[in-house]
Amino acid sequence: MRVLDNEISIADTKYCRQKDRRISDLRRSVASASDVHKKFDVYRSLYNEYLTYQYDSAYHYVREMESLALQTGDDLMRLRARAALITCFSRVGFFKEGTESLNDLNPSLMPLDEQIEFYFSAASLLQNMESFAGSDADLSVEYRKMRSVFYDSIIAIAGVNTYDYDLARLEKQRLDNFSDAKAFEMSKRLVRNYDLTDTQKAKIYSTIGRTYAAQNETDSAIYSFAKSAICDLRASVKETTSARNLAELMLECGDIERASRYINLASKDAKTYNSRIRPLEINPLMMAINAVHHHKMATQRLILIVLVLTFSVMFFIVFRLLLKLRGKNLSLTDKQKEILSKNTELELANENLVDMNVKLKETAEIKDQYIIESLLGMTNFANEVADKTHKALNKLNGKKYGEVASLLEDIGPHETFVRAYASFDSAFLRLFPNFIDELNRLLAPDARITINDGHLTNEIRIFALMRVGFSTTAEIAKYLGLSVNTVYVYKAKIKSKAIIDKAEFEARIMSIPKP
């Protein structure tokens, strides 16, 4: 079935295209036919190409064959054209016209192989008439008797141990008992013993599939119908029943996707062939498959709705539980606060130790905060001086000399910045005398830093400011009088020399302990 699905996808571009090329070559050869008999042979070849491919074109070339037969008065050509017409009528469902033509033809005047072909066509016509009437109808009994006569005629004239002989015996056996094991074995022997075309294989595999289906061996029936459909695709046969039979079995198995695929293939082939009888077989099954498909979709939608409602109810329940849990957590939090308060009261019992720890902690916090605030104050002052200098320059450029004097008081931002940085460096190294050593542990040996005169470089000062509490790059840039990008560059420069993961570098800096 996977092979069949693949063949369906490539049939039009591969097999039908090959078929169309053969037909085009034959059409071109009509003009080059040297006499009427050769042209008749070309028309007959075109008829054979179209016979299972497209009814209208096959019928057209049968009429062309009839026209040439009338022109020449050749009885054999007329018989061949009439036999071809019967086959056309049989395949498309023109039963009245087919039976009239059947009664107007004497096959004994035809060559032996064409007599056999005629009898098979006549039997096929009666088989389609039987299928149309229904197997239980009184007419079907008569049609089966007439078919049996045609098969007897083939058996009588065909050579023993030939494909036509064995096929006629098989069809006659199927008339006597459709699911008989002997008929089944004869079908398989045809495939084993003869080098068959894809068209012949398709017919035999279809027969085998129907035999398996009659015995309720569904898997084997599916396998046989699938092989028949594959052969039909490879032979570009559009007048076929295998895809329809396979779709029916897929429906029974519940494989709606494949049932739809195969019934659509059967419908497409019937429309391409322009068959009058196949749609009568296909349309009821297609409606049944569509009904099951719509029911399945409706069931899936219902299941989805039920699931959505179920999850909605579950979500509501979970939400209510979370609200209750939140209330419990708040209650537990209050109790924890109460317990902590009691613990604090117990800790106060050791008054001397607690007072000592509190004083030491406060002293350290005050010292750190004082340093940070002093540094920020000095930085603000320096920024203010820089701002006044900028304004004074603007006044000079505007020749407002009278206003310049008031703006130039206490100018000297550079020296102020230098003093501020020196104060910071001195205060920081007193607070963190171990900072340079701890920093060097994070750097490669050839990148170790030394401090000669107690002054830090801007690169080191950035990380020092981070350690004492400058939380953003913008604050650091403002204090140092640098751009934010420059601060990023300095940080990256130091990190590039680290022997640890760069993502951990700043966290390790912040964890340097204060002695």
Protein backbone atom coordinates (compact mmCIF):
# COMPACT_ATOMS: atom_id res chain seq x y z
CA MET A 1 0.00 0.00 0.00
CA ARG A 2 2.95 2.35 0.56
CA VAL A 3 4.10 1.51 -2.98
CA LEU A 4 0.57 2.22 -4.23
CA ASP A 5 0.46 5.59 -2.46
CA ASN A 6 3.78 6.52 -4.05
CA GLU A 7 2.63 5.36 -7.50
CA ILE A 8 -0.50 7.52 -7.19
CA SER A 9 1.67 10.58 -6.58
CA ILE A 10 3.84 10.01 -9.69
CA ALA A 11 1.38 8.35 -12.09
CA ASP A 12 0.40 11.50 -13.99
CA THR A 13 3.94 12.77 -14.45
CA LYS A 14 5.49 9.40 -15.24
CA TYR A 15 3.16 6.74 -16.66
CA CYS A 16 0.49 8.97 -18.23
CA ARG A 17 3.19 11.09 -19.83
CA GLN A 18 4.74 7.96 -21.38
CA LYS A 19 1.29 6.95 -22.60
CA ASP A 20 0.70 10.39 -24.14
CA ARG A 21 4.06 10.23 -25.94
CA ARG A 22 3.14 6.88 -27.52
CA ILE A 23 -0.21 8.27 -28.62
CA SER A 24 1.44 11.37 -30.09
CA ASP A 25 3.85 9.20 -32.08
CA LEU A 26 0.94 7.14 -33.45
CA ARG A 27 -1.01 10.25 -34.38
CA ARG A 28 1.94 11.58 -36.32
CA SER A 29 2.28 8.26 -38.14
CA VAL A 30 -1.31 8.55 -39.52
CA ALA A 31 -0.21 11.14 -42.05
CA SER A 32 2.70 8.97 -43.21
CA ALA A 33 0.59 5.81 -43.70
CA SER A 34 1.10 4.76 -47.34
CA ASP A 35 -2.27 3.05 -47.89
CA VAL A 36 -5.68 2.50 -46.31
CA HIS A 37 -4.73 -0.78 -44.66
CA LYS A 38 -1.73 0.76 -42.91
CA LYS A 39 -3.83 3.71 -41.81
CA PHE A 40 -6.42 1.23 -40.48
CA ASP A 41 -3.67 -0.50 -38.49
CA VAL A 42 -2.57 2.86 -37.02
CA TYR A 43 -6.17 3.68 -36.07
CA ARG A 44 -6.47 0.27 -34.48
CA SER A 45 -3.28 0.87 -32.48
CA LEU A 46 -4.64 4.23 -31.34
CA TYR A 47 -7.90 2.53 -30.37
CA ASN A 48 -5.98 -0.03 -28.30
CA GLU A 49 -4.02 2.76 -26.56
CA TYR A 50 -7.21 4.64 -25.71
CA LEU A 51 -9.36 1.59 -24.93
CA THR A 52 -8.61 1.64 -21.20
CA TYR A 53 -7.39 5.27 -21.13
CA GLN A 54 -10.13 7.48 -22.60
CA TYR A 55 -13.41 6.25 -24.03
CA ASP A 56 -14.25 9.20 -26.30
CA SER A 57 -10.95 8.94 -28.16
CA ALA A 58 -11.20 5.14 -28.39
CA TYR A 59 -14.73 5.47 -29.82
CA HIS A 60 -13.52 8.11 -32.29
CA TYR A 61 -10.85 5.82 -33.71
CA VAL A 62 -13.32 2.90 -33.90
CA ARG A 63 -15.50 5.09 -36.09
CA GLU A 64 -12.45 5.97 -38.18
CA MET A 65 -11.80 2.22 -38.57
CA GLU A 66 -15.43 1.72 -39.66
CA SER A 67 -15.13 4.54 -42.18
CA LEU A 68 -12.03 3.00 -43.74
CA ALA A 69 -13.73 -0.43 -43.80
CA LEU A 70 -16.70 1.05 -45.69
CA GLN A 71 -14.32 2.76 -48.16
CA THR A 72 -12.52 -0.47 -48.95
CA GLY A 73 -15.44 -2.88 -48.58
CA ASP A 74 -13.02 -5.18 -46.70
CA ASP A 75 -15.14 -7.62 -44.61
CA LEU A 76 -12.28 -8.39 -42.18
CA MET A 77 -11.71 -4.70 -41.53
CA ARG A 78 -15.46 -4.30 -40.93
CA LEU A 79 -15.50 -7.22 -38.48
CA ARG A 80 -12.50 -5.82 -36.60
CA ALA A 81 -14.10 -2.39 -36.36
CA ARG A 82 -17.38 -3.93 -35.17
CA ALA A 83 -15.61 -6.08 -32.55
CA ALA A 84 -13.74 -2.99 -31.30
CA LEU A 85 -17.04 -1.10 -31.10
CA ILE A 86 -18.58 -3.86 -28.96
CA THR A 87 -15.62 -3.60 -26.58
CA CYS A 88 -16.08 0.19 -26.39
CA PHE A 89 -19.80 -0.13 -25.65
CA SER A 90 -19.07 -2.76 -23.00
CA ARG A 91 -16.56 -0.65 -21.12
CA VAL A 92 -18.59 2.55 -21.05
CA GLY A 93 -21.98 1.01 -20.26
CA PHE A 94 -23.84 1.30 -23.60
CA PHE A 95 -25.39 -2.13 -23.17
CA LYS A 96 -28.22 -1.81 -25.71
CA GLU A 97 -25.86 -0.69 -28.46
CA GLY A 98 -23.35 -3.38 -27.43
CA THR A 99 -25.82 -6.25 -27.62
CA GLU A 100 -27.17 -5.01 -30.98
CA SER A 101 -23.64 -4.95 -32.40
CA LEU A 102 -22.97 -8.36 -30.81
CA ASN A 103 -25.85 -9.95 -32.71
CA ASP A 104 -24.69 -8.34 -35.96
CA LEU A 105 -21.26 -10.01 -36.01
CA ASN A 106 -20.07 -13.47 -37.11
CA PRO A 107 -16.75 -14.11 -35.26
CA SER A 108 -16.00 -17.28 -37.23
CA LEU A 109 -14.87 -15.12 -40.16
CA MET A 110 -12.11 -13.55 -38.01
CA PRO A 111 -8.62 -14.91 -37.33
CA LEU A 112 -8.40 -17.26 -34.34
CA ASP A 113 -6.72 -14.80 -31.95
CA GLU A 114 -9.27 -12.12 -32.84
CA GLN A 115 -12.13 -14.58 -32.29
CA ILE A 116 -10.80 -15.19 -28.79
CA GLU A 117 -10.52 -11.43 -28.18
CA PHE A 118 -14.11 -11.00 -29.41
CA TYR A 119 -15.45 -13.71 -27.08
CA PHE A 120 -13.67 -12.12 -24.10
CA SER A 121 -15.15 -8.72 -25.06
CA ALA A 122 -18.62 -10.23 -25.35
CA ALA A 123 -18.24 -11.91 -21.96
CA SER A 124 -17.05 -8.61 -20.46
CA LEU A 125 -20.12 -6.85 -21.87
CA LEU A 126 -22.40 -9.42 -20.22
CA GLN A 127 -20.45 -9.19 -16.96
CA ASN A 128 -20.97 -5.42 -16.84
CA MET A 129 -24.65 -5.89 -17.64
CA GLU A 130 -24.89 -8.39 -14.79
CA SER A 131 -23.15 -5.96 -12.42
CA PHE A 132 -25.54 -3.19 -13.46
CA ALA A 133 -28.65 -5.41 -13.02
CA GLY A 134 -27.50 -6.77 -9.65
CA SER A 135 -26.40 -10.29 -8.80
CA ASP A 136 -29.85 -11.32 -7.51
CA ALA A 137 -31.82 -10.14 -10.54
CA ASP A 138 -33.42 -12.65 -12.90
CA LEU A 139 -31.60 -11.07 -15.85
CA SER A 140 -28.26 -11.74 -14.16
CA VAL A 141 -28.93 -15.48 -14.33
CA GLU A 142 -29.42 -15.23 -18.08
CA TYR A 143 -26.32 -13.06 -18.46
CA ARG A 144 -24.21 -15.63 -16.57
CA LYS A 145 -25.46 -18.44 -18.83
CA MET A 146 -24.55 -16.44 -21.93
CA ARG A 147 -21.12 -15.63 -20.50
CA SER A 148 -20.52 -19.31 -19.85
CA VAL A 149 -21.23 -20.04 -23.52
CA PHE A 150 -18.62 -17.49 -24.63
CA TYR A 151 -16.03 -18.97 -22.26
CA ASP A 152 -16.81 -22.44 -23.67
CA SER A 153 -16.18 -21.04 -27.16
CA ILE A 154 -12.76 -19.78 -26.09
CA ILE A 155 -11.86 -23.09 -24.44
CA ALA A 156 -12.87 -24.90 -27.61
CA ILE A 157 -10.62 -22.91 -29.97
CA ALA A 158 -7.71 -21.80 -27.72
CA GLY A 159 -4.68 -24.01 -27.36
CA VAL A 160 -4.35 -25.99 -24.15
CA ASN A 161 -1.90 -24.52 -21.62
CA THR A 162 -2.16 -21.04 -23.11
CA TYR A 163 -3.04 -17.88 -21.24
CA ASP A 164 -6.38 -17.43 -23.05
CA TYR A 165 -7.35 -21.07 -22.41
CA ASP A 166 -6.52 -20.90 -18.69
CA LEU A 167 -8.16 -17.50 -18.28
CA ALA A 168 -11.39 -18.71 -19.91
CA ARG A 169 -11.41 -21.78 -17.65
CA LEU A 170 -10.83 -19.56 -14.65
CA GLU A 171 -13.73 -17.25 -15.52
CA LYS A 172 -16.00 -20.22 -16.14
CA GLN A 173 -14.96 -21.70 -12.79
CA ARG A 174 -15.78 -18.40 -11.09
CA LEU A 175 -19.23 -18.49 -12.64
CA ASP A 176 -19.84 -21.94 -11.14
CA ASN A 177 -18.52 -21.08 -7.68
CA PHE A 178 -17.05 -17.61 -7.08
CA SER A 179 -15.03 -18.40 -3.95
CA ASP A 180 -14.07 -21.93 -4.94
CA ALA A 181 -10.50 -22.80 -3.92
CA LYS A 182 -9.83 -24.21 -7.37
CA ALA A 183 -10.64 -20.86 -9.01
CA PHE A 184 -8.30 -19.19 -6.56
CA GLU A 185 -5.44 -21.56 -7.37
CA MET A 186 -6.04 -21.12 -11.10
CA SER A 187 -5.74 -17.33 -10.69
CA LYS A 188 -2.39 -17.64 -8.92
CA ARG A 189 -1.17 -20.12 -11.53
CA LEU A 190 -1.84 -17.58 -14.29
CA VAL A 191 0.51 -15.12 -12.60
CA ARG A 192 3.19 -17.78 -12.04
CA ASN A 193 3.10 -19.45 -15.45
CA TYR A 194 2.83 -16.54 -17.90
CA ASP A 195 4.79 -13.40 -18.65
CA LEU A 196 1.88 -11.00 -18.27
CA THR A 197 1.55 -7.31 -19.07
CA ASP A 198 0.62 -4.88 -16.32
CA THR A 199 -2.93 -4.75 -17.72
CA GLN A 200 -3.25 -8.53 -17.55
CA LYS A 201 -1.73 -8.63 -14.06
CA ALA A 202 -4.17 -5.97 -12.89
CA LYS A 203 -7.10 -8.10 -14.01
CA ILE A 204 -5.79 -11.31 -12.41
CA TYR A 205 -4.89 -9.61 -9.11
CA SER A 206 -8.37 -8.07 -9.06
CA THR A 207 -9.87 -11.54 -9.51
CA ILE A 208 -7.70 -12.87 -6.69
CA GLY A 209 -8.73 -9.93 -4.51
CA ARG A 210 -12.43 -10.60 -5.09
CA THR A 211 -11.86 -14.28 -4.24
CA TYR A 212 -10.15 -13.37 -0.96
CA ALA A 213 -12.92 -10.85 -0.18
CA ALA A 214 -15.58 -13.52 -0.75
CA GLN A 215 -13.72 -15.73 1.75
CA ASN A 216 -13.56 -12.81 4.27
CA GLU A 217 -9.75 -12.81 4.16
CA THR A 218 -9.58 -9.01 4.30
CA ASP A 219 -5.80 -8.53 4.59
CA SER A 220 -5.09 -10.75 1.58
CA ALA A 221 -7.88 -9.06 -0.38
CA ILE A 222 -6.38 -5.64 0.37
CA TYR A 223 -2.94 -6.85 -0.70
CA SER A 224 -4.27 -8.21 -4.01
CA PHE A 225 -6.39 -5.16 -4.84
CA ALA A 226 -3.43 -2.91 -4.03
CA LYS A 227 -1.21 -4.87 -6.46
CA SER A 228 -3.96 -4.66 -9.07
CA ALA A 229 -4.24 -0.89 -8.59
CA ILE A 230 -0.43 -0.54 -8.88
CA CYS A 231 -0.50 -2.42 -12.21
CA ASP A 232 -3.40 -0.24 -13.41
CA LEU A 233 -1.40 2.92 -12.62
CA ARG A 234 1.72 1.63 -14.37
CA ALA A 235 -0.33 0.66 -17.43
CA SER A 236 -2.27 3.97 -17.33
CA VAL A 237 -5.54 2.04 -17.15
CA LYS A 238 -8.40 4.40 -16.30
CA GLU A 239 -11.25 1.90 -16.78
CA THR A 240 -10.68 -0.03 -13.56
CA THR A 241 -12.42 -1.29 -10.42
CA SER A 242 -9.46 -2.07 -8.15
CA ALA A 243 -9.19 1.37 -6.53
CA ARG A 244 -12.92 1.36 -5.80
CA ASN A 245 -12.77 -2.15 -4.28
CA LEU A 246 -9.74 -1.18 -2.21
CA ALA A 247 -11.51 1.96 -0.95
CA GLU A 248 -14.46 -0.19 0.18
CA LEU A 249 -12.14 -2.46 2.19
CA MET A 250 -10.37 0.54 3.71
CA LEU A 251 -13.74 1.87 4.83
CA GLU A 252 -14.50 -1.46 6.49
CA CYS A 253 -11.10 -1.35 8.24
CA GLY A 254 -11.70 2.20 9.46
CA ASP A 255 -8.82 3.74 7.48
CA ILE A 256 -10.82 6.73 6.26
CA GLU A 257 -7.77 8.62 4.97
CA ARG A 258 -6.81 5.85 2.54
CA ALA A 259 -10.45 5.10 1.71
CA SER A 260 -10.85 8.74 0.63
CA ARG A 261 -7.58 8.65 -1.32
CA TYR A 262 -8.52 5.51 -3.27
CA ILE A 263 -12.15 6.45 -3.96
CA ASN A 264 -10.94 9.83 -5.24
CA LEU A 265 -8.49 7.97 -7.51
CA ALA A 266 -11.34 5.79 -8.79
CA SER A 267 -13.56 8.84 -9.36
CA LYS A 268 -10.77 10.71 -11.14
CA ASP A 269 -10.10 7.71 -13.42
CA ALA A 270 -13.82 7.34 -14.21
CA LYS A 271 -14.05 11.02 -15.16
CA THR A 272 -10.88 10.82 -17.27
CA TYR A 273 -12.18 7.73 -19.05
CA ASN A 274 -15.69 9.27 -19.29
CA SER A 275 -17.28 6.04 -18.13
CA ARG A 276 -21.06 5.95 -17.74
CA ILE A 277 -21.21 2.87 -15.52
CA ARG A 278 -18.35 3.35 -13.03
CA PRO A 279 -19.82 6.48 -11.36
CA LEU A 280 -22.89 4.40 -10.48
CA GLU A 281 -20.57 2.10 -8.51
CA ILE A 282 -18.32 4.83 -7.13
CA ASN A 283 -20.74 7.56 -6.02
CA PRO A 284 -22.62 5.57 -3.31
CA LEU A 285 -19.32 4.44 -1.80
CA MET A 286 -17.91 7.96 -1.97
CA MET A 287 -20.98 9.27 -0.15
CA ALA A 288 -20.57 6.59 2.51
CA ILE A 289 -16.87 7.43 2.98
CA ASN A 290 -17.63 11.17 3.17
CA ALA A 291 -20.38 10.47 5.71
CA VAL A 292 -17.98 8.47 7.90
CA HIS A 293 -15.33 11.18 7.46
CA HIS A 294 -17.75 13.92 8.53
CA HIS A 295 -18.91 11.79 11.45
CA LYS A 296 -15.32 11.25 12.49
CA MET A 297 -14.62 14.98 12.28
CA ALA A 298 -17.76 15.71 14.31
CA THR A 299 -16.69 13.14 16.90
CA GLN A 300 -13.22 14.69 17.09
CA ARG A 301 -14.76 18.14 17.53
CA LEU A 302 -16.99 16.79 20.30
CA ILE A 303 -14.02 15.16 22.01
CA LEU A 304 -12.10 18.43 21.71
CA ILE A 305 -14.98 20.37 23.25
CA VAL A 306 -15.22 17.85 26.11
CA LEU A 307 -11.47 18.10 26.68
CA VAL A 308 -11.58 21.90 26.68
CA LEU A 309 -14.45 21.88 29.18
CA THR A 310 -12.67 19.29 31.32
CA PHE A 311 -9.45 21.30 31.37
CA SER A 312 -11.43 24.47 32.11
CA VAL A 313 -13.05 22.84 35.14
CA MET A 314 -9.69 21.46 36.25
CA PHE A 315 -8.11 24.90 35.84
CA PHE A 316 -10.88 26.47 37.92
CA ILE A 317 -10.39 23.85 40.65
CA VAL A 318 -6.62 24.35 40.62
CA PHE A 319 -7.11 28.13 40.76
CA ARG A 320 -9.37 27.80 43.81
CA LEU A 321 -6.84 25.51 45.46
CA LEU A 322 -4.06 28.01 44.76
CA LEU A 323 -6.11 30.78 46.39
CA LYS A 324 -6.60 28.61 49.45
CA LEU A 325 -2.91 27.72 49.47
CA ARG A 326 -2.00 31.39 49.23
CA GLY A 327 -4.18 32.08 52.27
CA LYS A 328 -2.43 29.28 54.15
CA ASN A 329 0.96 30.68 53.13
CA LEU A 330 0.03 34.14 54.40
CA SER A 331 -1.03 32.62 57.69
CA LEU A 332 2.23 30.69 57.89
CA THR A 333 4.16 33.87 57.09
CA ASP A 334 2.49 35.68 59.98
CA LYS A 335 3.36 32.83 62.30
CA GLN A 336 6.94 32.86 61.02
CA LYS A 337 7.16 36.59 61.81
CA GLU A 338 5.85 35.90 65.28
CA ILE A 339 8.42 33.13 65.75
CA LEU A 340 11.19 35.43 64.49
CA SER A 341 10.07 38.10 66.94
CA LYS A 342 10.29 35.58 69.75
CA ASN A 343 13.72 34.51 68.57
CA THR A 344 14.83 38.16 68.58
CA GLU A 345 13.67 38.55 72.12
CA LEU A 346 15.62 35.44 73.07
CA GLU A 347 18.70 36.72 71.29
CA LEU A 348 18.53 39.99 73.19
CA ALA A 349 19.14 37.98 76.32
CA ASN A 350 22.79 37.88 75.46
CA GLU A 351 22.94 41.68 75.62
CA ASN A 352 26.65 42.24 75.59
CA LEU A 353 27.38 40.10 72.57
CA VAL A 354 24.43 41.51 70.65
CA ASP A 355 25.41 45.12 71.43
CA MET A 356 28.96 44.45 70.36
CA ASN A 357 27.89 42.87 67.05
CA VAL A 358 25.39 45.64 66.35
CA LYS A 359 27.95 48.37 67.02
CA LEU A 360 30.55 46.70 64.83
CA LYS A 361 28.03 46.21 62.04
CA GLU A 362 26.79 49.82 62.32
CA THR A 363 30.34 51.14 62.35
CA ALA A 364 31.19 49.21 59.21
CA GLU A 365 27.98 50.29 57.44
CA ILE A 366 28.45 53.93 58.43
CA LYS A 367 32.06 53.86 57.25
CA ASP A 368 31.15 52.32 53.88
CA GLN A 369 28.19 54.64 53.40
CA TYR A 370 30.25 57.67 54.38
CA ILE A 371 32.92 56.79 51.85
CA ILE A 372 30.34 56.27 49.07
CA GLU A 373 28.47 59.52 49.92
CA SER A 374 31.75 61.45 50.13
CA LEU A 375 32.83 60.12 46.79
CA LEU A 376 29.49 60.95 45.22
CA GLY A 377 29.60 64.44 46.76
CA MET A 378 33.04 65.08 45.33
CA THR A 379 31.96 63.75 41.95
CA ASN A 380 28.90 65.99 41.94
CA PHE A 381 31.10 68.95 42.81
CA ALA A 382 33.47 68.16 39.99
CA ASN A 383 30.57 67.76 37.58
CA GLU A 384 29.19 71.11 38.72
CA VAL A 385 32.52 72.83 38.11
CA ALA A 386 32.70 71.26 34.66
CA ASP A 387 29.20 72.48 33.93
CA LYS A 388 30.04 76.05 35.02
CA THR A 389 33.16 76.04 32.93
CA HIS A 390 31.13 74.96 29.90
CA LYS A 391 28.63 77.78 30.54
CA ALA A 392 31.45 80.31 30.94
CA LEU A 393 32.89 79.31 27.60
CA ASN A 394 29.47 79.73 26.04
CA LYS A 395 29.24 83.27 27.55
CA LEU A 396 32.66 84.12 26.16
CA ASN A 397 31.65 82.87 22.74
CA GLY A 398 28.57 85.07 23.02
CA LYS A 399 30.75 88.08 24.11
CA LYS A 400 28.83 88.43 27.36
CA TYR A 401 31.94 89.28 29.31
CA GLY A 402 30.08 90.82 32.20
CA GLU A 403 28.49 87.51 33.15
CA VAL A 404 31.62 85.42 32.90
CA ALA A 405 33.18 86.42 36.21
CA SER A 406 30.38 85.00 38.31
CA LEU A 407 30.72 81.64 36.59
CA LEU A 408 34.46 81.17 36.97
CA GLU A 409 34.66 81.09 40.74
CA ASP A 410 36.37 78.06 42.29
CA ILE A 411 37.08 76.62 38.87
CA GLY A 412 39.49 73.69 38.64
CA PRO A 413 37.55 70.46 38.00
CA HIS A 414 40.53 68.46 36.89
CA GLU A 415 42.37 68.90 40.15
CA THR A 416 39.16 68.18 42.02
CA PHE A 417 38.67 64.93 40.12
CA VAL A 418 42.28 63.98 40.82
CA ARG A 419 41.79 64.67 44.53
CA ALA A 420 38.53 62.77 44.55
CA TYR A 421 40.08 59.74 42.87
CA ALA A 422 43.10 59.87 45.17
CA SER A 423 40.83 60.02 48.21
CA PHE A 424 38.80 57.15 46.91
CA ASP A 425 41.88 55.05 46.17
CA SER A 426 43.30 55.70 49.62
CA ALA A 427 40.02 55.01 51.40
CA PHE A 428 39.29 51.91 49.34
CA LEU A 429 42.71 50.34 49.87
CA ARG A 430 42.37 50.92 53.61
CA LEU A 431 38.97 49.21 53.56
CA PHE A 432 40.11 46.43 51.22
CA PRO A 433 43.88 46.01 51.57
CA ASN A 434 43.50 42.51 50.14
CA PHE A 435 41.59 43.60 46.99
CA ILE A 436 44.60 43.67 44.62
CA ASP A 437 45.82 40.26 45.79
CA GLU A 438 42.34 38.73 45.42
CA LEU A 439 41.96 40.30 41.98
CA ASN A 440 45.33 38.95 40.86
CA ARG A 441 44.18 35.43 41.80
CA LEU A 442 41.53 35.77 39.13
CA LEU A 443 44.01 36.87 36.41
CA ALA A 444 46.62 35.09 34.35
CA PRO A 445 50.16 35.25 35.83
CA ASP A 446 51.43 37.58 33.08
CA ALA A 447 48.49 39.95 33.66
CA ARG A 448 48.96 40.45 37.42
CA ILE A 449 48.53 44.05 38.69
CA THR A 450 50.85 45.99 40.99
CA ILE A 451 50.14 49.28 42.81
CA ASN A 452 53.24 51.46 43.21
CA ASP A 453 52.07 54.84 44.51
CA GLY A 454 48.75 53.89 46.08
CA HIS A 455 46.75 55.00 43.03
CA LEU A 456 44.44 52.74 41.07
CA THR A 457 44.09 52.79 37.30
CA ASN A 458 40.67 53.50 35.82
CA GLU A 459 40.31 49.79 34.86
CA ILE A 460 40.89 48.70 38.50
CA ARG A 461 38.90 51.65 39.88
CA ILE A 462 35.81 50.46 37.97
CA PHE A 463 35.82 47.12 39.79
CA ALA A 464 36.65 48.88 43.11
CA LEU A 465 33.58 51.10 42.69
CA MET A 466 31.48 48.02 41.97
CA ARG A 467 32.75 46.41 45.19
CA VAL A 468 31.74 49.40 47.37
CA GLY A 469 28.24 49.61 45.96
CA PHE A 470 28.06 51.33 42.59
CA SER A 471 25.33 49.21 41.06
CA THR A 472 25.09 50.48 37.46
CA THR A 473 27.56 51.16 34.70
CA ALA A 474 26.02 54.63 34.23
CA GLU A 475 26.90 55.60 37.86
CA ILE A 476 30.47 54.40 37.41
CA ALA A 477 30.81 56.28 34.11
CA LYS A 478 29.46 59.46 35.71
CA TYR A 479 31.83 59.25 38.67
CA LEU A 480 34.89 58.62 36.53
CA GLY A 481 33.92 61.16 33.85
CA LEU A 482 33.90 58.45 31.18
CA SER A 483 31.36 57.29 28.63
CA VAL A 484 29.36 54.14 29.33
CA ASN A 485 30.97 52.45 26.30
CA THR A 486 34.44 53.24 27.65
CA VAL A 487 33.53 51.63 30.97
CA TYR A 488 32.38 48.50 29.09
CA VAL A 489 35.67 48.46 27.14
CA TYR A 490 37.77 48.74 30.34
CA LYS A 491 35.79 45.94 31.99
CA ALA A 492 36.16 43.72 28.94
CA LYS A 493 39.90 44.40 28.86
CA ILE A 494 40.36 43.10 32.42
CA LYS A 495 37.98 40.16 31.90
CA SER A 496 39.93 39.06 28.83
CA LYS A 497 42.89 38.32 31.11
CA ALA A 498 40.86 36.23 33.57
CA ILE A 499 41.59 32.57 34.17
CA ILE A 500 38.00 31.91 35.22
CA ASP A 501 34.75 32.01 33.26
CA LYS A 502 34.09 35.62 32.22
CA ALA A 503 30.43 35.25 33.20
CA GLU A 504 31.51 34.62 36.81
CA PHE A 505 34.16 37.37 36.99
CA GLU A 506 32.02 40.20 38.39
CA ALA A 507 30.35 37.90 40.94
CA ARG A 508 33.83 36.85 42.19
CA ILE A 509 34.82 40.53 42.47
CA MET A 510 31.72 41.29 44.56
CA SER A 511 32.52 38.36 46.87
CA ILE A 512 36.01 39.64 47.82
CA PRO A 513 35.77 39.84 51.63
CA LYS A 514 36.48 42.90 53.70
CA PRO A 515 39.08 42.04 56.39
